[in-house]
N, C-alpha and C. Protein backbone atom coordinates (compact mmCIF):
# COMPACT_ATOMS: atom_id res chain seq x y z
N MET A 1 0.83 -1.24 -0.04
CA MET A 1 0.03 -0.01 -0.03
C MET A 1 0.77 1.28 -0.09
N GLN A 2 0.46 2.34 -0.82
CA GLN A 2 1.26 3.63 -0.91
C GLN A 2 0.71 4.48 -0.13
N ILE A 3 1.22 5.02 0.81
CA ILE A 3 0.80 6.11 1.77
C ILE A 3 1.83 7.43 1.78
N ALA A 4 1.33 8.39 2.15
CA ALA A 4 2.02 9.61 2.49
C ALA A 4 1.85 10.16 3.82
N VAL A 5 2.86 10.99 4.34
CA VAL A 5 2.76 11.42 5.56
C VAL A 5 2.83 12.97 5.55
N ILE A 6 1.88 13.67 6.27
CA ILE A 6 1.89 15.11 6.32
C ILE A 6 2.03 15.49 7.67
N PHE A 7 2.96 16.66 7.90
CA PHE A 7 3.18 17.26 9.16
C PHE A 7 2.80 18.61 9.20
N ASP A 8 1.99 18.95 10.38
CA ASP A 8 1.82 20.25 10.73
C ASP A 8 3.27 20.69 11.25
N MET A 9 3.52 21.93 11.44
CA MET A 9 4.72 22.29 11.90
C MET A 9 4.88 22.67 13.56
N ASP A 10 4.15 23.85 13.70
CA ASP A 10 4.48 24.09 15.08
C ASP A 10 3.86 23.25 16.00
N GLY A 11 4.41 22.66 16.98
CA GLY A 11 3.95 21.67 18.05
C GLY A 11 4.08 20.36 17.51
N VAL A 12 4.61 20.18 16.17
CA VAL A 12 4.87 18.72 15.73
C VAL A 12 6.47 18.65 15.36
N ILE A 13 6.70 19.50 14.45
CA ILE A 13 8.16 19.45 13.88
C ILE A 13 8.99 20.04 15.24
N VAL A 14 8.47 21.18 15.46
CA VAL A 14 9.01 21.84 16.62
C VAL A 14 7.99 21.88 17.67
N ASP A 15 8.68 21.73 19.15
CA ASP A 15 7.79 21.94 20.17
C ASP A 15 7.96 23.49 20.88
N ASN A 16 7.28 24.32 19.90
CA ASN A 16 7.53 25.84 20.19
C ASN A 16 6.26 26.61 20.70
N GLY A 17 5.27 25.95 21.13
CA GLY A 17 4.06 26.53 21.74
C GLY A 17 4.47 27.61 22.69
N ASP A 18 5.32 27.32 23.58
CA ASP A 18 5.27 28.35 24.81
C ASP A 18 6.10 29.57 24.12
N PHE A 19 6.91 29.40 23.22
CA PHE A 19 7.56 30.66 22.55
C PHE A 19 6.56 31.37 21.51
N HIS A 20 5.59 30.70 20.96
CA HIS A 20 4.61 31.51 20.49
C HIS A 20 3.52 32.11 21.44
N TYR A 21 3.36 31.45 22.51
CA TYR A 21 2.60 32.08 23.73
C TYR A 21 3.40 33.42 24.05
N ARG A 22 4.74 33.26 24.36
CA ARG A 22 5.43 34.42 24.81
C ARG A 22 5.40 35.49 23.92
N ALA A 23 5.60 35.18 22.63
CA ALA A 23 5.49 36.09 21.34
C ALA A 23 4.13 36.85 21.58
N TRP A 24 3.10 36.25 21.56
CA TRP A 24 1.69 36.78 21.50
C TRP A 24 1.46 37.65 22.86
N LYS A 25 1.98 37.28 23.88
CA LYS A 25 1.75 38.04 25.23
C LYS A 25 2.62 39.37 24.94
N LYS A 26 3.87 39.18 24.44
CA LYS A 26 4.71 40.52 24.32
C LYS A 26 4.06 41.49 23.18
N PHE A 27 3.43 40.80 22.13
CA PHE A 27 2.64 41.57 21.15
C PHE A 27 1.72 42.29 21.76
N CYS A 28 0.88 41.60 22.50
CA CYS A 28 -0.41 42.24 23.15
C CYS A 28 0.01 43.25 24.03
N GLU A 29 1.01 43.28 25.01
CA GLU A 29 1.68 44.16 25.77
C GLU A 29 1.96 45.26 24.96
N ASN A 30 2.67 45.29 23.96
CA ASN A 30 3.07 46.25 22.95
C ASN A 30 1.93 47.23 22.54
N ASN A 31 0.75 46.38 22.40
CA ASN A 31 -0.41 47.15 21.61
C ASN A 31 -1.74 47.31 22.66
N ASN A 32 -1.30 47.17 23.91
CA ASN A 32 -2.14 47.53 24.90
C ASN A 32 -3.58 46.62 24.55
N ILE A 33 -3.35 45.25 24.60
CA ILE A 33 -4.55 44.57 24.33
C ILE A 33 -4.49 43.39 25.46
N ALA A 34 -5.54 43.25 26.11
CA ALA A 34 -5.59 42.04 27.16
C ALA A 34 -5.22 40.92 26.64
N PHE A 35 -4.66 39.91 27.27
CA PHE A 35 -4.03 38.72 26.83
C PHE A 35 -4.59 37.69 27.83
N SER A 36 -5.09 36.52 27.37
CA SER A 36 -5.46 35.38 28.02
C SER A 36 -4.87 34.08 27.70
N GLN A 37 -4.21 33.56 28.68
CA GLN A 37 -3.45 32.36 28.28
C GLN A 37 -4.43 31.23 28.12
N GLU A 38 -5.50 31.14 28.66
CA GLU A 38 -6.41 30.15 28.39
C GLU A 38 -7.00 30.19 26.97
N LYS A 39 -7.40 31.62 26.73
CA LYS A 39 -7.88 31.84 25.27
C LYS A 39 -6.96 31.31 24.08
N PHE A 40 -5.68 31.73 24.43
CA PHE A 40 -4.63 31.32 23.48
C PHE A 40 -4.50 29.94 23.31
N ARG A 41 -4.37 29.04 24.35
CA ARG A 41 -4.29 27.55 24.21
C ARG A 41 -5.45 27.06 23.56
N LYS A 42 -6.60 27.36 23.79
CA LYS A 42 -7.93 26.78 23.40
C LYS A 42 -8.15 27.32 21.96
N VAL A 43 -8.15 28.53 21.78
CA VAL A 43 -8.65 29.24 20.70
C VAL A 43 -7.76 29.66 19.59
N PHE A 44 -6.53 30.03 19.95
CA PHE A 44 -5.75 30.76 18.94
C PHE A 44 -4.65 29.78 18.38
N PHE A 45 -3.92 28.89 19.02
CA PHE A 45 -3.08 27.94 18.72
C PHE A 45 -3.52 27.06 17.63
N GLY A 46 -2.58 27.16 16.59
CA GLY A 46 -2.78 26.36 15.43
C GLY A 46 -3.60 27.02 14.31
N ARG A 47 -3.88 28.23 14.69
CA ARG A 47 -4.64 29.12 13.50
C ARG A 47 -3.68 30.22 12.86
N THR A 48 -4.39 30.70 11.88
CA THR A 48 -3.40 31.79 11.10
C THR A 48 -3.58 33.13 11.75
N ASN A 49 -2.55 33.99 11.61
CA ASN A 49 -2.63 35.42 12.02
C ASN A 49 -3.92 36.25 11.45
N GLU A 50 -4.31 35.61 10.36
CA GLU A 50 -5.51 36.23 9.61
C GLU A 50 -6.64 35.98 10.66
N GLN A 51 -6.77 34.99 11.26
CA GLN A 51 -7.88 34.49 11.95
C GLN A 51 -7.74 35.13 13.39
N VAL A 52 -6.56 35.10 14.00
CA VAL A 52 -6.24 35.60 15.45
C VAL A 52 -6.30 37.04 15.48
N LEU A 53 -5.63 38.00 14.55
CA LEU A 53 -5.64 39.39 14.77
C LEU A 53 -6.92 40.04 14.95
N PRO A 54 -7.85 39.81 14.02
CA PRO A 54 -9.12 40.62 14.20
C PRO A 54 -9.75 40.26 15.45
N VAL A 55 -9.77 39.02 16.11
CA VAL A 55 -10.28 38.61 17.34
C VAL A 55 -9.54 39.44 18.34
N LEU A 56 -8.27 39.51 18.39
CA LEU A 56 -7.47 40.35 19.50
C LEU A 56 -8.03 41.73 19.48
N PHE A 57 -7.97 42.41 18.23
CA PHE A 57 -8.26 43.85 17.90
C PHE A 57 -9.83 44.12 18.10
N GLU A 58 -10.57 43.07 17.95
CA GLU A 58 -12.10 42.98 18.15
C GLU A 58 -12.64 44.11 16.99
N ARG A 59 -11.96 44.02 15.79
CA ARG A 59 -12.53 44.86 14.56
C ARG A 59 -12.01 44.03 13.34
N ASP A 60 -12.66 44.37 12.33
CA ASP A 60 -12.12 43.91 11.02
C ASP A 60 -10.80 44.73 10.51
N LEU A 61 -9.90 43.88 10.11
CA LEU A 61 -8.63 44.53 9.67
C LEU A 61 -8.20 44.40 8.21
N LEU A 62 -7.71 45.47 7.66
CA LEU A 62 -7.31 45.39 6.24
C LEU A 62 -6.19 44.36 5.98
N ARG A 63 -6.00 43.83 4.88
CA ARG A 63 -4.88 42.82 4.69
C ARG A 63 -3.42 43.30 5.05
N GLU A 64 -3.32 44.73 4.70
CA GLU A 64 -2.14 45.17 4.99
C GLU A 64 -1.70 45.36 6.51
N GLU A 65 -2.80 45.51 7.22
CA GLU A 65 -2.83 45.77 8.73
C GLU A 65 -2.45 44.40 9.38
N ILE A 66 -3.10 43.48 8.78
CA ILE A 66 -2.72 42.01 9.14
C ILE A 66 -1.26 41.66 8.87
N GLN A 67 -0.90 41.89 7.58
CA GLN A 67 0.62 41.63 7.50
C GLN A 67 1.39 42.27 8.35
N LYS A 68 1.28 43.75 8.42
CA LYS A 68 2.21 44.25 9.38
C LYS A 68 2.28 43.88 10.84
N LEU A 69 0.93 43.65 11.30
CA LEU A 69 0.95 43.07 12.53
C LEU A 69 1.40 41.65 12.78
N GLY A 70 1.14 40.99 11.95
CA GLY A 70 1.64 39.66 11.80
C GLY A 70 3.16 39.57 11.91
N ASP A 71 3.81 40.35 10.97
CA ASP A 71 5.34 40.48 10.99
C ASP A 71 5.88 40.94 12.25
N GLU A 72 5.13 41.82 12.85
CA GLU A 72 5.76 42.32 14.24
C GLU A 72 5.71 41.19 15.25
N LYS A 73 4.61 40.28 15.25
CA LYS A 73 4.63 39.30 16.31
C LYS A 73 5.68 38.21 15.73
N GLU A 74 5.66 37.85 14.44
CA GLU A 74 6.60 36.84 14.30
C GLU A 74 7.87 37.14 14.53
N GLU A 75 8.43 38.35 14.18
CA GLU A 75 9.63 38.86 14.49
C GLU A 75 10.12 38.67 15.92
N ILE A 76 9.11 38.85 16.87
CA ILE A 76 9.36 38.65 18.35
C ILE A 76 9.66 37.20 18.50
N TYR A 77 8.60 36.32 18.13
CA TYR A 77 8.89 34.88 17.95
C TYR A 77 10.22 34.28 17.69
N ARG A 78 10.51 34.74 16.29
CA ARG A 78 11.93 34.10 15.81
C ARG A 78 13.07 34.58 16.68
N GLU A 79 13.07 35.84 17.13
CA GLU A 79 14.07 36.39 17.86
C GLU A 79 14.31 35.55 19.08
N ASN A 80 13.26 35.23 19.87
CA ASN A 80 13.22 34.59 21.08
C ASN A 80 13.56 32.99 20.93
N TYR A 81 12.74 32.54 19.76
CA TYR A 81 13.18 31.01 19.62
C TYR A 81 14.45 30.52 19.08
N ARG A 82 15.07 31.34 18.28
CA ARG A 82 16.23 30.91 17.66
C ARG A 82 17.14 30.20 18.29
N PRO A 83 17.74 30.84 19.50
CA PRO A 83 18.59 30.10 20.18
C PRO A 83 18.07 28.77 20.85
N TYR A 84 16.92 28.33 20.85
CA TYR A 84 16.33 26.98 21.38
C TYR A 84 15.70 26.26 20.18
N LEU A 85 15.86 26.72 18.96
CA LEU A 85 15.37 25.63 17.92
C LEU A 85 15.97 24.53 17.96
N LYS A 86 15.07 23.33 18.03
CA LYS A 86 15.26 22.00 18.03
C LYS A 86 13.96 21.03 17.40
N ALA A 87 14.51 20.00 16.75
CA ALA A 87 13.30 19.20 16.39
C ALA A 87 12.49 18.33 17.59
N VAL A 88 11.50 18.07 17.42
CA VAL A 88 10.61 17.19 18.43
C VAL A 88 11.70 15.73 18.29
N THR A 89 11.84 15.27 19.67
CA THR A 89 12.49 13.98 19.77
C THR A 89 11.96 12.84 18.68
N GLY A 90 12.98 12.29 18.05
CA GLY A 90 12.65 11.34 17.26
C GLY A 90 12.20 11.70 15.66
N LEU A 91 12.04 13.01 15.35
CA LEU A 91 11.59 13.34 14.36
C LEU A 91 12.57 13.13 13.26
N VAL A 92 13.80 13.52 13.36
CA VAL A 92 14.79 13.39 12.13
C VAL A 92 14.96 11.69 11.67
N PRO A 93 15.04 10.92 12.55
CA PRO A 93 15.08 9.31 12.23
C PRO A 93 13.93 8.96 11.62
N PHE A 94 12.88 9.38 12.03
CA PHE A 94 11.52 9.03 11.31
C PHE A 94 11.24 9.68 9.96
N LEU A 95 11.90 10.89 9.83
CA LEU A 95 11.98 11.43 8.47
C LEU A 95 13.08 10.45 7.42
N ALA A 96 14.03 10.14 8.08
CA ALA A 96 14.93 9.53 7.36
C ALA A 96 14.26 8.10 7.11
N GLU A 97 13.62 7.51 7.71
CA GLU A 97 12.85 6.19 7.63
C GLU A 97 11.84 6.29 6.44
N LEU A 98 11.22 7.44 6.44
CA LEU A 98 10.25 7.78 5.48
C LEU A 98 11.09 8.08 4.21
N LYS A 99 12.02 8.65 4.15
CA LYS A 99 12.76 8.94 2.72
C LYS A 99 13.29 7.50 2.22
N ASN A 100 14.01 6.89 3.16
CA ASN A 100 14.67 5.54 2.66
C ASN A 100 13.49 4.56 2.29
N ASN A 101 12.28 4.47 2.61
CA ASN A 101 11.29 3.76 2.18
C ASN A 101 10.25 4.53 1.13
N LYS A 102 10.78 5.41 0.49
CA LYS A 102 10.31 6.16 -0.41
C LYS A 102 8.79 6.51 -0.27
N ILE A 103 8.63 6.97 1.10
CA ILE A 103 7.17 7.47 1.33
C ILE A 103 7.37 9.00 1.48
N ALA A 104 6.38 9.60 0.56
CA ALA A 104 6.34 11.07 0.36
C ALA A 104 5.91 11.81 1.76
N ALA A 105 6.51 12.81 1.91
CA ALA A 105 6.25 13.85 3.14
C ALA A 105 5.91 15.10 2.78
N ALA A 106 5.20 15.67 3.60
CA ALA A 106 4.65 17.15 3.28
C ALA A 106 4.63 17.89 4.45
N VAL A 107 4.74 19.25 4.62
CA VAL A 107 4.49 20.13 5.86
C VAL A 107 3.25 20.88 5.31
N ALA A 108 2.13 20.94 6.16
CA ALA A 108 0.97 21.64 6.01
C ALA A 108 0.73 22.49 7.42
N THR A 109 0.94 23.67 7.17
CA THR A 109 1.05 24.51 8.58
C THR A 109 0.30 25.88 8.30
N SER A 110 -0.14 26.53 9.33
CA SER A 110 -0.77 27.80 9.53
C SER A 110 0.21 28.75 9.60
N ALA A 111 1.51 28.59 9.63
CA ALA A 111 2.60 29.19 9.79
C ALA A 111 2.90 30.22 8.54
N SER A 112 3.54 31.22 8.68
CA SER A 112 3.92 32.17 7.62
C SER A 112 5.12 31.51 6.68
N PRO A 113 5.41 31.85 5.62
CA PRO A 113 6.51 31.30 4.81
C PRO A 113 7.75 31.61 5.62
N GLU A 114 7.86 32.83 6.15
CA GLU A 114 8.96 33.04 6.72
C GLU A 114 9.37 32.22 8.00
N ASN A 115 8.43 31.86 8.73
CA ASN A 115 8.55 30.91 9.92
C ASN A 115 8.80 29.65 9.46
N VAL A 116 8.34 29.19 8.18
CA VAL A 116 8.53 27.89 7.82
C VAL A 116 10.04 27.73 7.28
N GLU A 117 10.47 28.85 6.48
CA GLU A 117 11.95 28.80 6.43
C GLU A 117 12.80 28.91 7.48
N PHE A 118 12.55 29.73 8.54
CA PHE A 118 13.27 29.64 9.76
C PHE A 118 13.38 28.33 10.35
N VAL A 119 12.28 27.62 10.46
CA VAL A 119 12.37 26.30 11.16
C VAL A 119 13.06 25.11 10.42
N LEU A 120 12.72 25.04 9.17
CA LEU A 120 13.14 23.79 8.17
C LEU A 120 14.72 24.03 7.78
N ASN A 121 14.91 25.30 7.46
CA ASN A 121 16.28 25.64 7.27
C ASN A 121 17.20 25.65 8.40
N GLY A 122 16.76 25.91 9.38
CA GLY A 122 17.27 26.09 10.69
C GLY A 122 17.65 24.86 11.29
N LEU A 123 16.78 23.84 11.11
CA LEU A 123 16.92 22.31 11.49
C LEU A 123 17.74 21.54 10.26
N GLY A 124 17.72 22.21 9.20
CA GLY A 124 18.45 21.35 8.20
C GLY A 124 17.80 20.06 7.69
N ILE A 125 16.26 20.19 7.59
CA ILE A 125 15.46 19.27 7.23
C ILE A 125 14.60 19.20 6.02
N LYS A 126 14.75 20.44 5.36
CA LYS A 126 13.86 20.72 4.36
C LYS A 126 13.99 19.70 3.11
N HIS A 127 14.95 19.07 2.86
CA HIS A 127 15.15 18.17 1.87
C HIS A 127 14.26 16.81 2.20
N PHE A 128 13.88 16.67 3.39
CA PHE A 128 13.01 15.51 3.46
C PHE A 128 11.47 15.74 3.06
N PHE A 129 11.27 16.66 2.61
CA PHE A 129 9.74 17.22 2.37
C PHE A 129 9.66 17.42 0.98
N ASP A 130 8.46 16.58 0.14
CA ASP A 130 8.42 16.81 -1.24
C ASP A 130 7.34 18.10 -1.42
N VAL A 131 6.58 18.33 -0.45
CA VAL A 131 5.37 19.50 -0.81
C VAL A 131 5.52 20.23 0.67
N ILE A 132 5.46 21.53 0.58
CA ILE A 132 5.15 22.68 1.54
C ILE A 132 4.21 23.33 1.33
N ILE A 133 3.06 23.22 2.36
CA ILE A 133 2.04 24.30 2.14
C ILE A 133 1.90 25.20 3.36
N ASP A 134 2.15 26.57 3.16
CA ASP A 134 2.02 27.48 4.39
C ASP A 134 0.89 28.17 4.31
N ASP A 135 0.62 29.22 5.12
CA ASP A 135 -0.60 29.96 5.31
C ASP A 135 -0.81 31.09 4.14
N SER A 136 0.19 31.20 3.30
CA SER A 136 -0.09 31.99 2.13
C SER A 136 -0.77 31.43 1.13
N MET A 137 -0.70 29.90 1.03
CA MET A 137 -1.10 29.36 -0.14
C MET A 137 -2.69 28.68 0.29
N VAL A 138 -3.33 28.99 1.40
CA VAL A 138 -4.81 28.68 1.65
C VAL A 138 -5.57 29.95 1.99
N SER A 139 -6.83 29.64 1.60
CA SER A 139 -7.65 30.95 1.84
C SER A 139 -8.43 30.56 3.15
N LYS A 140 -8.64 29.48 3.50
CA LYS A 140 -9.35 28.96 4.82
C LYS A 140 -8.51 28.27 5.91
N GLY A 141 -8.34 28.99 7.14
CA GLY A 141 -7.27 28.26 8.04
C GLY A 141 -8.18 27.31 8.80
N LYS A 142 -7.30 26.29 9.45
CA LYS A 142 -7.71 25.25 10.29
C LYS A 142 -8.81 25.85 11.22
N PRO A 143 -9.82 25.17 11.52
CA PRO A 143 -10.04 23.72 11.46
C PRO A 143 -10.72 23.31 9.91
N ASP A 144 -10.65 24.53 9.24
CA ASP A 144 -11.18 24.13 7.80
C ASP A 144 -10.07 22.94 7.26
N PRO A 145 -10.67 21.89 6.48
CA PRO A 145 -9.53 21.00 5.97
C PRO A 145 -8.72 21.29 4.74
N GLU A 146 -8.96 22.63 4.27
CA GLU A 146 -8.29 23.07 2.95
C GLU A 146 -6.86 22.68 2.93
N VAL A 147 -6.09 23.06 4.02
CA VAL A 147 -4.69 22.84 4.00
C VAL A 147 -4.33 21.39 3.73
N TYR A 148 -5.08 20.49 4.16
CA TYR A 148 -4.75 19.13 4.16
C TYR A 148 -5.32 18.42 2.86
N LEU A 149 -6.37 18.94 2.26
CA LEU A 149 -6.72 18.66 1.01
C LEU A 149 -5.81 19.10 -0.08
N LYS A 150 -5.50 20.28 0.16
CA LYS A 150 -4.31 20.77 -0.95
C LYS A 150 -3.12 19.97 -0.86
N SER A 151 -2.57 19.43 0.48
CA SER A 151 -1.37 18.84 0.65
C SER A 151 -1.39 17.45 -0.13
N ALA A 152 -2.81 16.84 0.12
CA ALA A 152 -2.91 15.37 -0.37
C ALA A 152 -2.75 15.53 -1.85
N ALA A 153 -3.45 16.59 -2.40
CA ALA A 153 -3.62 16.80 -3.95
C ALA A 153 -2.24 16.95 -4.45
N LYS A 154 -1.37 17.80 -3.86
CA LYS A 154 -0.05 18.20 -4.27
C LYS A 154 0.74 16.83 -4.16
N LEU A 155 0.57 15.90 -3.33
CA LEU A 155 1.33 14.79 -3.22
C LEU A 155 0.89 13.60 -4.23
N ASN A 156 -0.35 13.95 -4.96
CA ASN A 156 -1.21 13.08 -5.84
C ASN A 156 -1.45 11.83 -4.82
N MET A 157 -2.15 12.16 -3.72
CA MET A 157 -2.67 11.02 -3.00
C MET A 157 -3.98 11.26 -2.57
N ASN A 158 -4.83 10.28 -2.40
CA ASN A 158 -6.29 10.44 -1.86
C ASN A 158 -6.08 10.56 -0.30
N PRO A 159 -6.62 11.57 0.32
CA PRO A 159 -6.32 11.78 1.86
C PRO A 159 -6.60 10.66 2.66
N GLN A 160 -7.39 9.68 2.24
CA GLN A 160 -7.57 8.47 3.06
C GLN A 160 -6.29 7.60 3.26
N TYR A 161 -5.39 7.91 2.35
CA TYR A 161 -4.04 7.18 2.39
C TYR A 161 -2.95 7.92 3.00
N CYS A 162 -3.47 9.04 3.63
CA CYS A 162 -2.38 10.02 4.11
C CYS A 162 -2.39 9.95 5.62
N VAL A 163 -1.43 9.89 6.43
CA VAL A 163 -1.33 10.08 7.81
C VAL A 163 -0.83 11.45 8.14
N VAL A 164 -1.59 12.26 8.92
CA VAL A 164 -1.41 13.54 9.46
C VAL A 164 -0.87 13.73 10.93
N PHE A 165 0.17 14.28 11.11
CA PHE A 165 0.69 14.45 12.51
C PHE A 165 0.19 15.88 13.00
N GLU A 166 -0.48 16.05 14.06
CA GLU A 166 -1.11 17.34 14.55
C GLU A 166 -0.93 17.40 16.00
N ASP A 167 -1.11 18.48 16.57
CA ASP A 167 -1.10 18.80 17.90
C ASP A 167 -2.24 19.53 18.63
N SER A 168 -2.84 20.44 17.71
CA SER A 168 -3.91 21.34 18.15
C SER A 168 -5.20 20.63 17.90
N LEU A 169 -6.49 21.25 18.49
CA LEU A 169 -7.66 20.64 18.01
C LEU A 169 -8.07 20.96 16.89
N SER A 170 -7.80 22.23 16.62
CA SER A 170 -8.07 22.96 15.23
C SER A 170 -7.40 22.02 14.06
N GLY A 171 -6.30 21.71 14.21
CA GLY A 171 -5.59 20.91 13.25
C GLY A 171 -5.89 19.61 13.18
N THR A 172 -6.25 18.97 14.14
CA THR A 172 -6.73 17.63 14.25
C THR A 172 -7.89 17.36 13.63
N LYS A 173 -8.87 18.46 13.92
CA LYS A 173 -10.33 18.54 13.18
C LYS A 173 -10.02 18.73 11.84
N ALA A 174 -9.22 19.55 11.40
CA ALA A 174 -8.97 19.83 9.87
C ALA A 174 -8.49 18.42 9.30
N ALA A 175 -7.74 17.84 9.81
CA ALA A 175 -7.18 16.38 9.05
C ALA A 175 -8.22 15.60 9.20
N PHE A 176 -9.12 15.30 10.33
CA PHE A 176 -10.01 14.31 10.34
C PHE A 176 -10.99 14.43 9.16
N GLU A 177 -11.40 16.03 9.04
CA GLU A 177 -12.44 16.49 8.17
C GLU A 177 -11.96 16.24 6.64
N ALA A 178 -10.60 16.34 6.38
CA ALA A 178 -10.05 16.00 5.20
C ALA A 178 -10.19 14.45 4.94
N GLY A 179 -10.34 13.52 5.92
CA GLY A 179 -10.60 12.21 5.83
C GLY A 179 -9.14 11.42 5.64
N ALA A 180 -8.14 12.13 6.43
CA ALA A 180 -6.88 11.51 6.52
C ALA A 180 -6.96 10.64 7.95
N LYS A 181 -5.91 9.83 8.12
CA LYS A 181 -5.63 9.14 9.36
C LYS A 181 -4.90 10.46 10.29
N VAL A 182 -5.11 10.40 11.48
CA VAL A 182 -4.70 11.31 12.36
C VAL A 182 -3.98 10.89 13.48
N VAL A 183 -2.76 11.23 13.67
CA VAL A 183 -1.82 10.92 14.83
C VAL A 183 -1.61 12.29 15.59
N ALA A 184 -2.25 12.24 17.04
CA ALA A 184 -2.07 13.52 17.83
C ALA A 184 -0.65 13.64 18.50
N LEU A 185 0.08 14.66 18.64
CA LEU A 185 0.88 14.75 19.59
C LEU A 185 0.36 15.47 20.90
N THR A 186 1.16 15.29 22.06
CA THR A 186 0.71 16.04 23.29
C THR A 186 1.54 17.13 23.64
N THR A 187 2.22 17.85 22.50
CA THR A 187 3.03 19.03 22.89
C THR A 187 2.02 20.05 23.20
N SER A 188 0.92 20.31 22.81
CA SER A 188 0.18 21.37 23.07
C SER A 188 -1.00 21.41 24.10
N ILE A 189 -1.78 20.16 24.02
CA ILE A 189 -2.77 19.69 24.87
C ILE A 189 -2.59 18.32 25.41
N ASP A 190 -3.30 18.04 26.36
CA ASP A 190 -3.21 16.71 26.80
C ASP A 190 -3.72 15.64 26.09
N ALA A 191 -3.40 14.47 26.32
CA ALA A 191 -4.02 13.27 25.41
C ALA A 191 -5.60 13.31 25.61
N SER A 192 -5.97 13.51 26.93
CA SER A 192 -7.52 13.44 27.12
C SER A 192 -8.40 14.32 26.31
N GLU A 193 -7.61 15.54 25.84
CA GLU A 193 -8.44 16.64 25.26
C GLU A 193 -8.79 16.26 23.61
N HIS A 194 -7.63 15.46 23.14
CA HIS A 194 -7.91 14.90 21.64
C HIS A 194 -8.96 13.95 21.51
N LYS A 195 -9.73 14.51 20.39
CA LYS A 195 -10.84 13.79 20.14
C LYS A 195 -10.85 13.51 18.70
N TYR A 196 -10.04 13.91 17.92
CA TYR A 196 -10.04 13.67 16.49
C TYR A 196 -8.88 12.75 15.85
N ALA A 197 -8.27 11.96 16.84
CA ALA A 197 -7.15 11.02 16.38
C ALA A 197 -7.28 9.74 16.57
N GLN A 198 -6.69 8.99 15.66
CA GLN A 198 -6.77 7.56 15.90
C GLN A 198 -5.69 7.06 16.62
N HIS A 199 -4.57 7.83 16.96
CA HIS A 199 -3.62 7.37 17.83
C HIS A 199 -3.06 8.70 18.37
N ILE A 200 -2.58 8.59 19.62
CA ILE A 200 -1.78 9.65 20.43
C ILE A 200 -0.52 9.33 20.80
N ILE A 201 0.51 10.21 20.43
CA ILE A 201 2.00 10.02 20.89
C ILE A 201 2.49 11.26 21.54
N SER A 202 3.67 11.17 22.29
CA SER A 202 4.24 12.13 22.84
C SER A 202 5.32 12.91 22.00
N ASP A 203 6.00 11.86 21.26
CA ASP A 203 7.07 12.25 20.35
C ASP A 203 7.15 11.16 19.32
N PHE A 204 8.09 11.26 18.36
CA PHE A 204 8.25 10.45 17.07
C PHE A 204 9.03 9.20 17.52
N SER A 205 9.65 9.06 18.65
CA SER A 205 10.33 7.79 19.14
C SER A 205 9.06 6.91 19.40
N GLU A 206 8.00 7.06 19.49
CA GLU A 206 6.79 6.26 19.67
C GLU A 206 6.23 5.72 18.42
N ILE A 207 6.58 5.98 17.24
CA ILE A 207 5.78 5.85 16.05
C ILE A 207 7.03 5.31 14.94
N SER A 208 6.43 4.38 14.05
CA SER A 208 7.33 3.88 12.96
C SER A 208 6.19 3.54 11.76
N ILE A 209 6.93 3.47 10.84
CA ILE A 209 6.17 2.98 9.50
C ILE A 209 5.39 1.80 9.81
N ASN A 210 6.20 0.83 10.37
CA ASN A 210 5.40 -0.56 10.41
C ASN A 210 4.08 -0.41 11.38
N PHE A 211 4.42 0.46 12.55
CA PHE A 211 3.11 0.69 13.40
C PHE A 211 1.94 1.41 12.45
N ILE A 212 2.17 2.28 11.70
CA ILE A 212 1.29 3.18 11.15
C ILE A 212 0.68 2.09 9.99
N LEU A 213 1.23 1.20 9.29
CA LEU A 213 0.67 0.33 8.39
C LEU A 213 -0.16 -0.62 9.18
N GLN A 214 0.40 -1.29 10.25
CA GLN A 214 -0.32 -2.24 10.80
C GLN A 214 -1.59 -1.73 11.82
N ASN A 215 -1.62 -0.64 12.21
CA ASN A 215 -2.42 -0.04 13.24
C ASN A 215 -3.41 0.90 12.56
N LEU A 216 -3.06 1.62 11.61
CA LEU A 216 -4.06 2.71 11.04
C LEU A 216 -4.72 2.18 9.59
N PHE A 217 -4.19 1.32 8.99
CA PHE A 217 -4.50 0.84 7.74
C PHE A 217 -4.65 -0.63 7.55
N SER A 218 -4.88 -1.29 8.67
CA SER A 218 -5.02 -2.81 8.70
C SER A 218 -6.67 -3.00 8.34
């Protein structure tokens, strides 16, 4: 059976939720906006700046405003996270296993192109991915399934033969609605909160191609 594997980025390739949280907190302080940790964890994480910023500012924003404000927040994030950038445990060996077995891999993320380059080039893993879809390539953010449907199409795969690794509720729902098999990580929320996943892991040392084939496609 031919399958493909699709990875969200934030919280999956890198465990960077706390750094995004700190960046949003600093951004809100700079712009005199009340910030709620609970709201961030439950509502904002896994979604695009285009979805988050109008909610924070409680008004419609022009595309130019969203771009400028989003750039401000992401610069804070990259500056703070750069010294700590590292892959989630087991990711690189798992990517190598996929490559060695000629299983196509994609990144499907709500992150900006700049953040994608920052992470993939910073970790030296861009060559493992056949397809990369970022927030500039979709019109509807997660939990809409568009990003995963586009990823599967770019991989020339039916979504039902794709395995998606996700960490947020909006992301797992998007993958589930796309018709993919969903493996959730517990980097962002507890295992008990995941309700759109066929399997749950803490990192990639707990997964393999054999496990996927035997347990998700049997």
